[in-house]
PDB file of N, CA and C in Angstrom:
ATOM      1  N   MET A   1     -28.273  25.594  17.951  1.00  0.00           N
ATOM      2  CA  MET A   1     -28.106  26.476  16.805  1.00  0.00           C
ATOM      3  C   MET A   1     -28.052  27.930  17.267  1.00  0.00           C
ATOM      4  N   GLU A   2     -27.214  28.670  16.607  1.00  0.00           N
ATOM      5  CA  GLU A   2     -27.165  30.116  16.821  1.00  0.00           C
ATOM      6  C   GLU A   2     -27.508  30.759  15.487  1.00  0.00           C
ATOM      7  N   TRP A   3     -28.586  31.521  15.469  1.00  0.00           N
ATOM      8  CA  TRP A   3     -29.032  32.174  14.247  1.00  0.00           C
ATOM      9  C   TRP A   3     -28.465  33.583  14.185  1.00  0.00           C
ATOM     10  N   ARG A   4     -27.866  33.924  13.037  1.00  0.00           N
ATOM     11  CA  ARG A   4     -27.295  35.255  12.852  1.00  0.00           C
ATOM     12  C   ARG A   4     -27.826  35.865  11.561  1.00  0.00           C
ATOM     13  N   ASN A   5     -27.991  37.169  11.584  1.00  0.00           N
ATOM     14  CA  ASN A   5     -28.389  37.919  10.385  1.00  0.00           C
ATOM     15  C   ASN A   5     -27.179  38.641   9.821  1.00  0.00           C
ATOM     16  N   ASP A   6     -26.072  37.936   9.631  1.00  0.00           N
ATOM     17  CA  ASP A   6     -24.851  38.611   9.193  1.00  0.00           C
ATOM     18  C   ASP A   6     -24.771  38.811   7.696  1.00  0.00           C
ATOM     19  N   GLY A   7     -25.502  38.081   6.908  1.00  0.00           N
ATOM     20  CA  GLY A   7     -25.543  38.303   5.460  1.00  0.00           C
ATOM     21  C   GLY A   7     -24.247  38.067   4.722  1.00  0.00           C
ATOM     22  N   GLY A   8     -23.107  38.151   5.364  1.00  0.00           N
ATOM     23  CA  GLY A   8     -21.830  37.851   4.732  1.00  0.00           C
ATOM     24  C   GLY A   8     -21.259  38.992   3.928  1.00  0.00           C
ATOM     25  N   SER A   9     -21.822  39.309   2.762  1.00  0.00           N
ATOM     26  CA  SER A   9     -21.211  40.272   1.852  1.00  0.00           C
ATOM     27  C   SER A   9     -21.526  41.719   2.191  1.00  0.00           C
ATOM     28  N   GLY A  10     -22.482  41.952   3.065  1.00  0.00           N
ATOM     29  CA  GLY A  10     -22.865  43.312   3.382  1.00  0.00           C
ATOM     30  C   GLY A  10     -23.971  43.828   2.475  1.00  0.00           C
ATOM     31  N   LYS A  11     -24.201  43.166   1.348  1.00  0.00           N
ATOM     32  CA  LYS A  11     -25.279  43.543   0.446  1.00  0.00           C
ATOM     33  C   LYS A  11     -26.513  42.726   0.802  1.00  0.00           C
ATOM     34  N   ARG A  12     -27.621  43.372   0.891  1.00  0.00           N
ATOM     35  CA  ARG A  12     -28.867  42.679   1.209  1.00  0.00           C
ATOM     36  C   ARG A  12     -29.553  42.253  -0.079  1.00  0.00           C
ATOM     37  N   ARG A  13     -30.002  41.020  -0.099  1.00  0.00           N
ATOM     38  CA  ARG A  13     -30.769  40.504  -1.217  1.00  0.00           C
ATOM     39  C   ARG A  13     -32.133  40.086  -0.701  1.00  0.00           C
ATOM     40  N   ALA A  14     -33.062  39.913  -1.605  1.00  0.00           N
ATOM     41  CA  ALA A  14     -34.427  39.569  -1.218  1.00  0.00           C
ATOM     42  C   ALA A  14     -34.492  38.228  -0.498  1.00  0.00           C
ATOM     43  N   ASN A  15     -33.639  37.276  -0.883  1.00  0.00           N
ATOM     44  CA  ASN A  15     -33.700  35.946  -0.281  1.00  0.00           C
ATOM     45  C   ASN A  15     -32.768  35.786   0.918  1.00  0.00           C
ATOM     46  N   ASP A  16     -32.121  36.869   1.363  1.00  0.00           N
ATOM     47  CA  ASP A  16     -31.260  36.789   2.539  1.00  0.00           C
ATOM     48  C   ASP A  16     -32.113  36.586   3.783  1.00  0.00           C
ATOM     49  N   GLY A  17     -31.696  35.669   4.591  1.00  0.00           N
ATOM     50  CA  GLY A  17     -32.378  35.425   5.850  1.00  0.00           C
ATOM     51  C   GLY A  17     -31.344  35.087   6.889  1.00  0.00           C
ATOM     52  N   PRO A  18     -31.776  34.734   8.068  1.00  0.00           N
ATOM     53  CA  PRO A  18     -30.814  34.368   9.099  1.00  0.00           C
ATOM     54  C   PRO A  18     -30.077  33.081   8.725  1.00  0.00           C
ATOM     55  N   THR A  19     -28.866  32.964   9.219  1.00  0.00           N
ATOM     56  CA  THR A  19     -28.020  31.801   8.965  1.00  0.00           C
ATOM     57  C   THR A  19     -27.811  31.060  10.279  1.00  0.00           C
ATOM     58  N   ALA A  20     -27.903  29.731  10.226  1.00  0.00           N
ATOM     59  CA  ALA A  20     -27.750  28.906  11.424  1.00  0.00           C
ATOM     60  C   ALA A  20     -26.309  28.414  11.546  1.00  0.00           C
ATOM     61  N   TYR A  21     -25.695  28.708  12.684  1.00  0.00           N
ATOM     62  CA  TYR A  21     -24.357  28.219  12.995  1.00  0.00           C
ATOM     63  C   TYR A  21     -24.493  27.192  14.120  1.00  0.00           C
ATOM     64  N   PRO A  22     -23.844  26.039  13.974  1.00  0.00           N
ATOM     65  CA  PRO A  22     -23.971  25.027  15.025  1.00  0.00           C
ATOM     66  C   PRO A  22     -23.232  25.437  16.299  1.00  0.00           C
ATOM     67  N   VAL A  23     -23.829  25.130  17.438  1.00  0.00           N
ATOM     68  CA  VAL A  23     -23.200  25.313  18.740  1.00  0.00           C
ATOM     69  C   VAL A  23     -23.039  23.910  19.306  1.00  0.00           C
ATOM     70  N   VAL A  24     -21.803  23.533  19.590  1.00  0.00           N
ATOM     71  CA  VAL A  24     -21.496  22.159  19.985  1.00  0.00           C
ATOM     72  C   VAL A  24     -20.949  22.138  21.398  1.00  0.00           C
ATOM     73  N   GLN A  25     -21.471  21.227  22.188  1.00  0.00           N
ATOM     74  CA  GLN A  25     -20.954  21.015  23.541  1.00  0.00           C
ATOM     75  C   GLN A  25     -20.377  19.608  23.589  1.00  0.00           C
ATOM     76  N   PHE A  26     -19.173  19.480  24.153  1.00  0.00           N
ATOM     77  CA  PHE A  26     -18.532  18.172  24.267  1.00  0.00           C
ATOM     78  C   PHE A  26     -17.673  18.139  25.511  1.00  0.00           C
ATOM     79  N   THR A  27     -17.306  16.943  25.907  1.00  0.00           N
ATOM     80  CA  THR A  27     -16.412  16.754  27.045  1.00  0.00           C
ATOM     81  C   THR A  27     -15.053  16.346  26.511  1.00  0.00           C
ATOM     82  N   SER A  28     -14.034  17.129  26.815  1.00  0.00           N
ATOM     83  CA  SER A  28     -12.687  16.846  26.316  1.00  0.00           C
ATOM     84  C   SER A  28     -12.043  15.730  27.136  1.00  0.00           C
ATOM     85  N   ALA A  29     -10.892  15.291  26.697  1.00  0.00           N
ATOM     86  CA  ALA A  29     -10.202  14.178  27.350  1.00  0.00           C
ATOM     87  C   ALA A  29      -9.836  14.493  28.800  1.00  0.00           C
ATOM     88  N   ASP A  30      -9.684  15.779  29.135  1.00  0.00           N
ATOM     89  CA  ASP A  30      -9.356  16.143  30.513  1.00  0.00           C
ATOM     90  C   ASP A  30     -10.597  16.195  31.412  1.00  0.00           C
ATOM     91  N   GLY A  31     -11.768  15.845  30.864  1.00  0.00           N
ATOM     92  CA  GLY A  31     -12.991  15.783  31.650  1.00  0.00           C
ATOM     93  C   GLY A  31     -13.778  17.075  31.734  1.00  0.00           C
ATOM     94  N   LYS A  32     -13.294  18.139  31.104  1.00  0.00           N
ATOM     95  CA  LYS A  32     -13.996  19.430  31.158  1.00  0.00           C
ATOM     96  C   LYS A  32     -15.052  19.511  30.052  1.00  0.00           C
ATOM     97  N   SER A  33     -16.178  20.103  30.403  1.00  0.00           N
ATOM     98  CA  SER A  33     -17.227  20.353  29.420  1.00  0.00           C
ATOM     99  C   SER A  33     -16.856  21.610  28.642  1.00  0.00           C
ATOM    100  N   ARG A  34     -16.887  21.515  27.336  1.00  0.00           N
ATOM    101  CA  ARG A  34     -16.487  22.631  26.479  1.00  0.00           C
ATOM    102  C   ARG A  34     -17.583  22.913  25.456  1.00  0.00           C
ATOM    103  N   THR A  35     -17.667  24.165  25.047  1.00  0.00           N
ATOM    104  CA  THR A  35     -18.641  24.580  24.043  1.00  0.00           C
ATOM    105  C   THR A  35     -17.935  25.427  22.992  1.00  0.00           C
ATOM    106  N   PHE A  36     -18.269  25.196  21.735  1.00  0.00           N
ATOM    107  CA  PHE A  36     -17.747  26.047  20.668  1.00  0.00           C
ATOM    108  C   PHE A  36     -18.829  26.277  19.629  1.00  0.00           C
ATOM    109  N   ARG A  37     -18.658  27.337  18.874  1.00  0.00           N
ATOM    110  CA  ARG A  37     -19.575  27.675  17.792  1.00  0.00           C
ATOM    111  C   ARG A  37     -18.885  27.398  16.469  1.00  0.00           C
ATOM    112  N   GLY A  38     -19.591  26.724  15.587  1.00  0.00           N
ATOM    113  CA  GLY A  38     -19.044  26.413  14.276  1.00  0.00           C
ATOM    114  C   GLY A  38     -18.819  27.676  13.464  1.00  0.00           C
ATOM    115  N   SER A  39     -17.841  27.659  12.590  1.00  0.00           N
ATOM    116  CA  SER A  39     -17.511  28.842  11.790  1.00  0.00           C
ATOM    117  C   SER A  39     -18.256  28.870  10.465  1.00  0.00           C
ATOM    118  N   THR A  40     -18.945  27.781  10.123  1.00  0.00           N
ATOM    119  CA  THR A  40     -19.650  27.695   8.851  1.00  0.00           C
ATOM    120  C   THR A  40     -21.144  27.588   9.103  1.00  0.00           C
ATOM    121  N   GLY A  41     -21.880  28.573   8.635  1.00  0.00           N
ATOM    122  CA  GLY A  41     -23.322  28.574   8.812  1.00  0.00           C
ATOM    123  C   GLY A  41     -24.052  28.294   7.524  1.00  0.00           C
ATOM    124  N   SER A  42     -25.344  27.944   7.625  1.00  0.00           N
ATOM    125  CA  SER A  42     -26.139  27.665   6.436  1.00  0.00           C
ATOM    126  C   SER A  42     -27.613  27.894   6.740  1.00  0.00           C
ATOM    127  N   ASN A  43     -28.366  28.045   5.686  1.00  0.00           N
ATOM    128  CA  ASN A  43     -29.819  28.125   5.810  1.00  0.00           C
ATOM    129  C   ASN A  43     -30.398  27.390   4.612  1.00  0.00           C
ATOM    130  N   PRO A  44     -31.005  26.243   4.805  1.00  0.00           N
ATOM    131  CA  PRO A  44     -31.431  25.621   6.059  1.00  0.00           C
ATOM    132  C   PRO A  44     -30.235  25.082   6.835  1.00  0.00           C
ATOM    133  N   PRO A  45     -30.430  24.867   8.139  1.00  0.00           N
ATOM    134  CA  PRO A  45     -29.322  24.395   8.976  1.00  0.00           C
ATOM    135  C   PRO A  45     -28.778  23.045   8.499  1.00  0.00           C
ATOM    136  N   ALA A  46     -27.468  22.891   8.601  1.00  0.00           N
ATOM    137  CA  ALA A  46     -26.820  21.644   8.200  1.00  0.00           C
ATOM    138  C   ALA A  46     -27.032  20.540   9.237  1.00  0.00           C
ATOM    139  N   TYR A  47     -27.374  20.908  10.454  1.00  0.00           N
ATOM    140  CA  TYR A  47     -27.543  19.938  11.537  1.00  0.00           C
ATOM    141  C   TYR A  47     -28.886  20.175  12.216  1.00  0.00           C
ATOM    142  N   ASP A  48     -29.431  19.115  12.795  1.00  0.00           N
ATOM    143  CA  ASP A  48     -30.655  19.218  13.587  1.00  0.00           C
ATOM    144  C   ASP A  48     -30.291  19.517  15.037  1.00  0.00           C
ATOM    145  N   LEU A  49     -31.243  20.076  15.775  1.00  0.00           N
ATOM    146  CA  LEU A  49     -31.031  20.300  17.202  1.00  0.00           C
ATOM    147  C   LEU A  49     -30.775  18.964  17.889  1.00  0.00           C
ATOM    148  N   MET A  50     -29.800  18.966  18.780  1.00  0.00           N
ATOM    149  CA  MET A  50     -29.428  17.791  19.577  1.00  0.00           C
ATOM    150  C   MET A  50     -28.835  16.655  18.739  1.00  0.00           C
ATOM    151  N   GLU A  51     -28.479  16.937  17.484  1.00  0.00           N
ATOM    152  CA  GLU A  51     -27.839  15.914  16.650  1.00  0.00           C
ATOM    153  C   GLU A  51     -26.429  15.662  17.159  1.00  0.00           C
ATOM    154  N   ARG A  52     -26.035  14.405  17.196  1.00  0.00           N
ATOM    155  CA  ARG A  52     -24.689  14.051  17.622  1.00  0.00           C
ATOM    156  C   ARG A  52     -23.738  14.216  16.438  1.00  0.00           C
ATOM    157  N   VAL A  53     -22.614  14.879  16.676  1.00  0.00           N
ATOM    158  CA  VAL A  53     -21.602  15.075  15.642  1.00  0.00           C
ATOM    159  C   VAL A  53     -20.249  14.650  16.197  1.00  0.00           C
ATOM    160  N   GLU A  54     -19.351  14.289  15.307  1.00  0.00           N
ATOM    161  CA  GLU A  54     -17.997  13.941  15.713  1.00  0.00           C
ATOM    162  C   GLU A  54     -17.174  15.216  15.806  1.00  0.00           C
ATOM    163  N   VAL A  55     -16.474  15.385  16.922  1.00  0.00           N
ATOM    164  CA  VAL A  55     -15.669  16.585  17.167  1.00  0.00           C
ATOM    165  C   VAL A  55     -14.191  16.204  17.087  1.00  0.00           C
ATOM    166  N   LEU A  56     -13.433  17.017  16.383  1.00  0.00           N
ATOM    167  CA  LEU A  56     -11.983  16.824  16.285  1.00  0.00           C
ATOM    168  C   LEU A  56     -11.281  17.955  17.021  1.00  0.00           C
ATOM    169  N   TYR A  57     -10.301  17.606  17.834  1.00  0.00           N
ATOM    170  CA  TYR A  57      -9.504  18.621  18.522  1.00  0.00           C
ATOM    171  C   TYR A  57      -8.177  17.998  18.934  1.00  0.00           C
ATOM    172  N   ARG A  58      -7.185  18.852  19.126  1.00  0.00           N
ATOM    173  CA  ARG A  58      -5.884  18.392  19.616  1.00  0.00           C
ATOM    174  C   ARG A  58      -5.946  18.346  21.137  1.00  0.00           C
ATOM    175  N   ALA A  59      -5.333  17.353  21.722  1.00  0.00           N
ATOM    176  CA  ALA A  59      -5.382  17.185  23.175  1.00  0.00           C
ATOM    177  C   ALA A  59      -4.791  18.391  23.905  1.00  0.00           C
ATOM    178  N   ASP A  60      -3.792  19.051  23.313  1.00  0.00           N
ATOM    179  CA  ASP A  60      -3.172  20.197  23.981  1.00  0.00           C
ATOM    180  C   ASP A  60      -3.917  21.515  23.743  1.00  0.00           C
ATOM    181  N   SER A  61      -4.934  21.527  22.865  1.00  0.00           N
ATOM    182  CA  SER A  61      -5.720  22.746  22.658  1.00  0.00           C
ATOM    183  C   SER A  61      -7.169  22.394  22.288  1.00  0.00           C
ATOM    184  N   PRO A  62      -7.933  21.888  23.250  1.00  0.00           N
ATOM    185  CA  PRO A  62      -9.315  21.506  22.958  1.00  0.00           C
ATOM    186  C   PRO A  62     -10.221  22.694  22.629  1.00  0.00           C
ATOM    187  N   GLU A  63      -9.776  23.919  22.913  1.00  0.00           N
ATOM    188  CA  GLU A  63     -10.591  25.095  22.575  1.00  0.00           C
ATOM    189  C   GLU A  63     -10.630  25.340  21.068  1.00  0.00           C
ATOM    190  N   ASP A  64      -9.743  24.714  20.301  1.00  0.00           N
ATOM    191  CA  ASP A  64      -9.722  24.840  18.838  1.00  0.00           C
ATOM    192  C   ASP A  64     -10.425  23.660  18.175  1.00  0.00           C
ATOM    193  N   ALA A  65     -11.544  23.247  18.704  1.00  0.00           N
ATOM    194  CA  ALA A  65     -12.271  22.087  18.186  1.00  0.00           C
ATOM    195  C   ALA A  65     -13.014  22.433  16.904  1.00  0.00           C
ATOM    196  N   ARG A  66     -13.271  21.397  16.102  1.00  0.00           N
ATOM    197  CA  ARG A  66     -14.031  21.542  14.863  1.00  0.00           C
ATOM    198  C   ARG A  66     -14.929  20.328  14.691  1.00  0.00           C
ATOM    199  N   ILE A  67     -16.022  20.538  13.989  1.00  0.00           N
ATOM    200  CA  ILE A  67     -16.893  19.428  13.638  1.00  0.00           C
ATOM    201  C   ILE A  67     -16.231  18.665  12.496  1.00  0.00           C
ATOM    202  N   ASN A  68     -16.256  17.341  12.577  1.00  0.00           N
ATOM    203  CA  ASN A  68     -15.661  16.512  11.532  1.00  0.00           C
ATOM    204  C   ASN A  68     -16.637  16.427  10.357  1.00  0.00           C
ATOM    205  N   SER A  69     -16.597  17.435   9.485  1.00  0.00           N
ATOM    206  CA  SER A  69     -17.407  17.436   8.270  1.00  0.00           C
ATOM    207  C   SER A  69     -16.579  18.030   7.144  1.00  0.00           C
ATOM    208  N   PHE A  70     -16.926  17.669   5.926  1.00  0.00           N
ATOM    209  CA  PHE A  70     -16.171  18.142   4.773  1.00  0.00           C
ATOM    210  C   PHE A  70     -16.141  19.667   4.708  1.00  0.00           C
ATOM    211  N   VAL A  71     -17.298  20.291   4.881  1.00  0.00           N
ATOM    212  CA  VAL A  71     -17.376  21.751   4.750  1.00  0.00           C
ATOM    213  C   VAL A  71     -16.551  22.450   5.820  1.00  0.00           C
ATOM    214  N   SER A  72     -16.685  22.037   7.077  1.00  0.00           N
ATOM    215  CA  SER A  72     -15.960  22.758   8.129  1.00  0.00           C
ATOM    216  C   SER A  72     -14.452  22.521   8.069  1.00  0.00           C
ATOM    217  N   LEU A  73     -14.028  21.399   7.508  1.00  0.00           N
ATOM    218  CA  LEU A  73     -12.591  21.114   7.442  1.00  0.00           C
ATOM    219  C   LEU A  73     -11.934  21.587   6.150  1.00  0.00           C
ATOM    220  N   TRP A  74     -12.647  21.569   5.027  1.00  0.00           N
ATOM    221  CA  TRP A  74     -12.005  21.766   3.741  1.00  0.00           C
ATOM    222  C   TRP A  74     -12.510  22.950   2.920  1.00  0.00           C
ATOM    223  N   LEU A  75     -13.573  23.630   3.324  1.00  0.00           N
ATOM    224  CA  LEU A  75     -14.112  24.711   2.497  1.00  0.00           C
ATOM    225  C   LEU A  75     -13.092  25.825   2.257  1.00  0.00           C
ATOM    226  N   LEU A  76     -12.534  26.397   3.303  1.00  0.00           N
ATOM    227  CA  LEU A  76     -11.574  27.494   3.123  1.00  0.00           C
ATOM    228  C   LEU A  76     -10.287  27.052   2.428  1.00  0.00           C
ATOM    229  N   PRO A  77      -9.685  25.894   2.786  1.00  0.00           N
ATOM    230  CA  PRO A  77      -8.502  25.478   2.030  1.00  0.00           C
ATOM    231  C   PRO A  77      -8.786  25.277   0.542  1.00  0.00           C
ATOM    232  N   LEU A  78      -9.970  24.765   0.203  1.00  0.00           N
ATOM    233  CA  LEU A  78     -10.293  24.590  -1.211  1.00  0.00           C
ATOM    234  C   LEU A  78     -10.476  25.929  -1.918  1.00  0.00           C
ATOM    235  N   ILE A  79     -11.111  26.877  -1.260  1.00  0.00           N
ATOM    236  CA  ILE A  79     -11.300  28.203  -1.868  1.00  0.00           C
ATOM    237  C   ILE A  79      -9.947  28.869  -2.106  1.00  0.00           C
ATOM    238  N   PHE A  80      -9.105  28.933  -1.065  1.00  0.00           N
ATOM    239  CA  PHE A  80      -7.811  29.600  -1.216  1.00  0.00           C
ATOM    240  C   PHE A  80      -6.869  28.822  -2.133  1.00  0.00           C
ATOM    241  N   GLY A  81      -6.930  27.498  -2.085  1.00  0.00           N
ATOM    242  CA  GLY A  81      -6.125  26.689  -2.998  1.00  0.00           C
ATOM    243  C   GLY A  81      -6.537  26.907  -4.443  1.00  0.00           C
ATOM    244  N   GLY A  82      -7.849  26.988  -4.679  1.00  0.00           N
ATOM    245  CA  GLY A  82      -8.347  27.241  -6.033  1.00  0.00           C
ATOM    246  C   GLY A  82      -7.927  28.605  -6.540  1.00  0.00           C
ATOM    247  N   ILE A  83      -8.001  29.611  -5.682  1.00  0.00           N
ATOM    248  CA  ILE A  83      -7.562  30.949  -6.074  1.00  0.00           C
ATOM    249  C   ILE A  83      -6.065  30.942  -6.397  1.00  0.00           C
ATOM    250  N   GLY A  84      -5.283  30.255  -5.568  1.00  0.00           N
ATOM    251  CA  GLY A  84      -3.842  30.157  -5.813  1.00  0.00           C
ATOM    252  C   GLY A  84      -3.534  29.453  -7.122  1.00  0.00           C
ATOM    253  N   LEU A  85      -4.255  28.366  -7.421  1.00  0.00           N
ATOM    254  CA  LEU A  85      -4.049  27.665  -8.689  1.00  0.00           C
ATOM    255  C   LEU A  85      -4.430  28.540  -9.875  1.00  0.00           C
ATOM    256  N   LEU A  86      -5.505  29.300  -9.735  1.00  0.00           N
ATOM    257  CA  LEU A  86      -5.930  30.193 -10.808  1.00  0.00           C
ATOM    258  C   LEU A  86      -4.869  31.259 -11.079  1.00  0.00           C
ATOM    259  N   ILE A  87      -4.384  31.894 -10.033  1.00  0.00           N
ATOM    260  CA  ILE A  87      -3.365  32.932 -10.196  1.00  0.00           C
ATOM    261  C   ILE A  87      -2.069  32.334 -10.749  1.00  0.00           C
ATOM    262  N   GLY A  88      -1.690  31.158 -10.240  1.00  0.00           N
ATOM    263  CA  GLY A  88      -0.495  30.489 -10.749  1.00  0.00           C
ATOM    264  C   GLY A  88      -0.637  30.116 -12.216  1.00  0.00           C
ATOM    265  N   GLY A  89      -1.822  29.632 -12.602  1.00  0.00           N
ATOM    266  CA  GLY A  89      -2.072  29.275 -13.997  1.00  0.00           C
ATOM    267  C   GLY A  89      -1.992  30.480 -14.915  1.00  0.00           C
ATOM    268  N   ILE A  90      -2.515  31.612 -14.454  1.00  0.00           N
ATOM    269  CA  ILE A  90      -2.428  32.840 -15.246  1.00  0.00           C
ATOM    270  C   ILE A  90      -0.967  33.244 -15.413  1.00  0.00           C
ATOM    271  N   GLY A  91      -0.189  33.162 -14.336  1.00  0.00           N
ATOM    272  CA  GLY A  91       1.232  33.514 -14.415  1.00  0.00           C
ATOM    273  C   GLY A  91       2.000  32.611 -15.358  1.00  0.00           C
ATOM    274  N   VAL A  92       1.733  31.306 -15.300  1.00  0.00           N
ATOM    275  CA  VAL A  92       2.414  30.362 -16.197  1.00  0.00           C
ATOM    276  C   VAL A  92       2.022  30.640 -17.642  1.00  0.00           C
ATOM    277  N   THR A  93       0.740  30.903 -17.883  1.00  0.00           N
ATOM    278  CA  THR A  93       0.282  31.193 -19.242  1.00  0.00           C
ATOM    279  C   THR A  93       0.973  32.434 -19.799  1.00  0.00           C
ATOM    280  N   ILE A  94       1.056  33.481 -18.996  1.00  0.00           N
ATOM    281  CA  ILE A  94       1.729  34.700 -19.437  1.00  0.00           C
ATOM    282  C   ILE A  94       3.198  34.415 -19.738  1.00  0.00           C
ATOM    283  N   ALA A  95       3.862  33.643 -18.886  1.00  0.00           N
ATOM    284  CA  ALA A  95       5.279  33.324 -19.105  1.00  0.00           C
ATOM    285  C   ALA A  95       5.477  32.519 -20.383  1.00  0.00           C
ATOM    286  N   VAL A  96       4.607  31.555 -20.649  1.00  0.00           N
ATOM    287  CA  VAL A  96       4.736  30.724 -21.854  1.00  0.00           C
ATOM    288  C   VAL A  96       4.484  31.562 -23.105  1.00  0.00           C
ATOM    289  N   VAL A  97       3.474  32.415 -23.072  1.00  0.00           N
ATOM    290  CA  VAL A  97       3.168  33.249 -24.240  1.00  0.00           C
ATOM    291  C   VAL A  97       4.318  34.200 -24.521  1.00  0.00           C
ATOM    292  N   ARG A  98       4.872  34.807 -23.482  1.00  0.00           N
ATOM    293  CA  ARG A  98       6.004  35.725 -23.694  1.00  0.00           C
ATOM    294  C   ARG A  98       7.228  34.988 -24.219  1.00  0.00           C
ATOM    295  N   ARG A  99       7.422  33.784 -23.776  1.00  0.00           N
ATOM    296  CA  ARG A  99       8.600  33.030 -24.206  1.00  0.00           C
ATOM    297  C   ARG A  99       8.484  32.609 -25.666  1.00  0.00           C
ATOM    298  N   ARG A 100       7.260  32.303 -26.103  1.00  0.00           N
ATOM    299  CA  ARG A 100       7.058  31.868 -27.490  1.00  0.00           C
ATOM    300  C   ARG A 100       7.046  33.024 -28.475  1.00  0.00           C
ATOM    301  N   ARG A 101       6.758  34.225 -27.999  1.00  0.00           N
ATOM    302  CA  ARG A 101       6.701  35.385 -28.885  1.00  0.00           C
ATOM    303  C   ARG A 101       8.108  35.700 -29.365  1.00  0.00           C
ATOM    304  N   PRO A 102       8.288  35.811 -30.683  1.00  0.00           N
ATOM    305  CA  PRO A 102       9.640  36.124 -31.179  1.00  0.00           C
ATOM    306  C   PRO A 102      10.039  37.542 -30.792  1.00  0.00           C
ATOM    307  N   GLY A 103      11.309  37.694 -30.510  1.00  0.00           N
ATOM    308  CA  GLY A 103      11.835  39.014 -30.163  1.00  0.00           C
ATOM    309  C   GLY A 103      11.964  39.881 -31.409  1.00  0.00           C
ATOM    310  N   ARG A 104      12.362  41.096 -31.210  1.00  0.00           N
ATOM    311  CA  ARG A 104      12.544  41.985 -32.357  1.00  0.00           C
ATOM    312  C   ARG A 104      13.758  41.524 -33.163  1.00  0.00           C
ATOM    313  N   ALA A 105      13.584  41.495 -34.459  1.00  0.00           N
ATOM    314  CA  ALA A 105      14.687  41.087 -35.329  1.00  0.00           C
ATOM    315  C   ALA A 105      15.668  42.245 -35.476  1.00  0.00           C
ATOM    316  N   VAL A 106      16.919  41.911 -35.362  1.00  0.00           N
ATOM    317  CA  VAL A 106      17.960  42.923 -35.542  1.00  0.00           C
ATOM    318  C   VAL A 106      18.534  42.714 -36.930  1.00  0.00           C
ATOM    319  N   ARG A 107      18.474  43.762 -37.723  1.00  0.00           N
ATOM    320  CA  ARG A 107      18.945  43.653 -39.095  1.00  0.00           C
ATOM    321  C   ARG A 107      20.385  44.126 -39.163  1.00  0.00           C
ATOM    322  N   LEU A 108      21.226  43.243 -39.606  1.00  0.00           N
ATOM    323  CA  LEU A 108      22.627  43.612 -39.789  1.00  0.00           C
ATOM    324  C   LEU A 108      22.833  44.031 -41.239  1.00  0.00           C
ATOM    325  N   THR A 109      23.472  45.128 -41.381  1.00  0.00           N
ATOM    326  CA  THR A 109      23.789  45.585 -42.754  1.00  0.00           C
ATOM    327  C   THR A 109      25.284  45.498 -42.942  1.00  0.00           C
ATOM    328  N   LYS A 110      25.658  45.351 -44.152  1.00  0.00           N
ATOM    329  CA  LYS A 110      27.100  45.276 -44.480  1.00  0.00           C
ATOM    330  C   LYS A 110      27.489  46.485 -45.320  1.00  0.00           C
ATOM    331  N   ASP A 111      28.705  46.925 -45.040  1.00  0.00           N
ATOM    332  CA  ASP A 111      29.208  48.028 -45.878  1.00  0.00           C
ATOM    333  C   ASP A 111      29.680  47.466 -47.220  1.00  0.00           C
ATOM    334  N   PRO A 112      30.024  48.292 -48.165  1.00  0.00           N
ATOM    335  CA  PRO A 112      30.392  47.798 -49.501  1.00  0.00           C
ATOM    336  C   PRO A 112      31.584  46.835 -49.493  1.00  0.00           C
ATOM    337  N   ALA A 113      32.418  46.871 -48.447  1.00  0.00           N
ATOM    338  CA  ALA A 113      33.561  45.979 -48.412  1.00  0.00           C
ATOM    339  C   ALA A 113      33.175  44.605 -47.860  1.00  0.00           C
ATOM    340  N   GLY A 114      31.908  44.417 -47.477  1.00  0.00           N
ATOM    341  CA  GLY A 114      31.478  43.122 -46.963  1.00  0.00           C
ATOM    342  C   GLY A 114      31.585  42.987 -45.460  1.00  0.00           C
ATOM    343  N   GLN A 115      31.971  44.037 -44.791  1.00  0.00           N
ATOM    344  CA  GLN A 115      32.087  44.011 -43.347  1.00  0.00           C
ATOM    345  C   GLN A 115      30.778  44.526 -42.705  1.00  0.00           C
ATOM    346  N   PRO A 116      30.402  43.936 -41.599  1.00  0.00           N
ATOM    347  CA  PRO A 116      29.179  44.445 -40.923  1.00  0.00           C
ATOM    348  C   PRO A 116      29.368  45.896 -40.503  1.00  0.00           C
ATOM    349  N   ALA A 117      28.293  46.675 -40.649  1.00  0.00           N
ATOM    350  CA  ALA A 117      28.358  48.081 -40.327  1.00  0.00           C
ATOM    351  C   ALA A 117      28.157  48.313 -38.849  1.00  0.00           C
TER     352      ALA A 117
END
């Protein structure tokens, strides 16, 4: 575990404390021992010291390894996907409301001979 006092938002709160980030050591397919630090921290720690975890990495870039867990794999895509859906939903709502709103009525008047003016 690597403990950091990064706080995240820059604002200090009374319950802010250090955050534990996992440090994982594994042997890649090429036989080299590799170490990486997880990008997602928590307090209390999500993992115990010396706990075995499944590591995912591409054979051509083992330095980009990740722990096989829901949070480390899907947290950021879900956050950004949710924000995108929210913004898209707002845009669609605005477009539908504008489309349903009737335009300004144009009044045609006729001259005394019955022809439009």
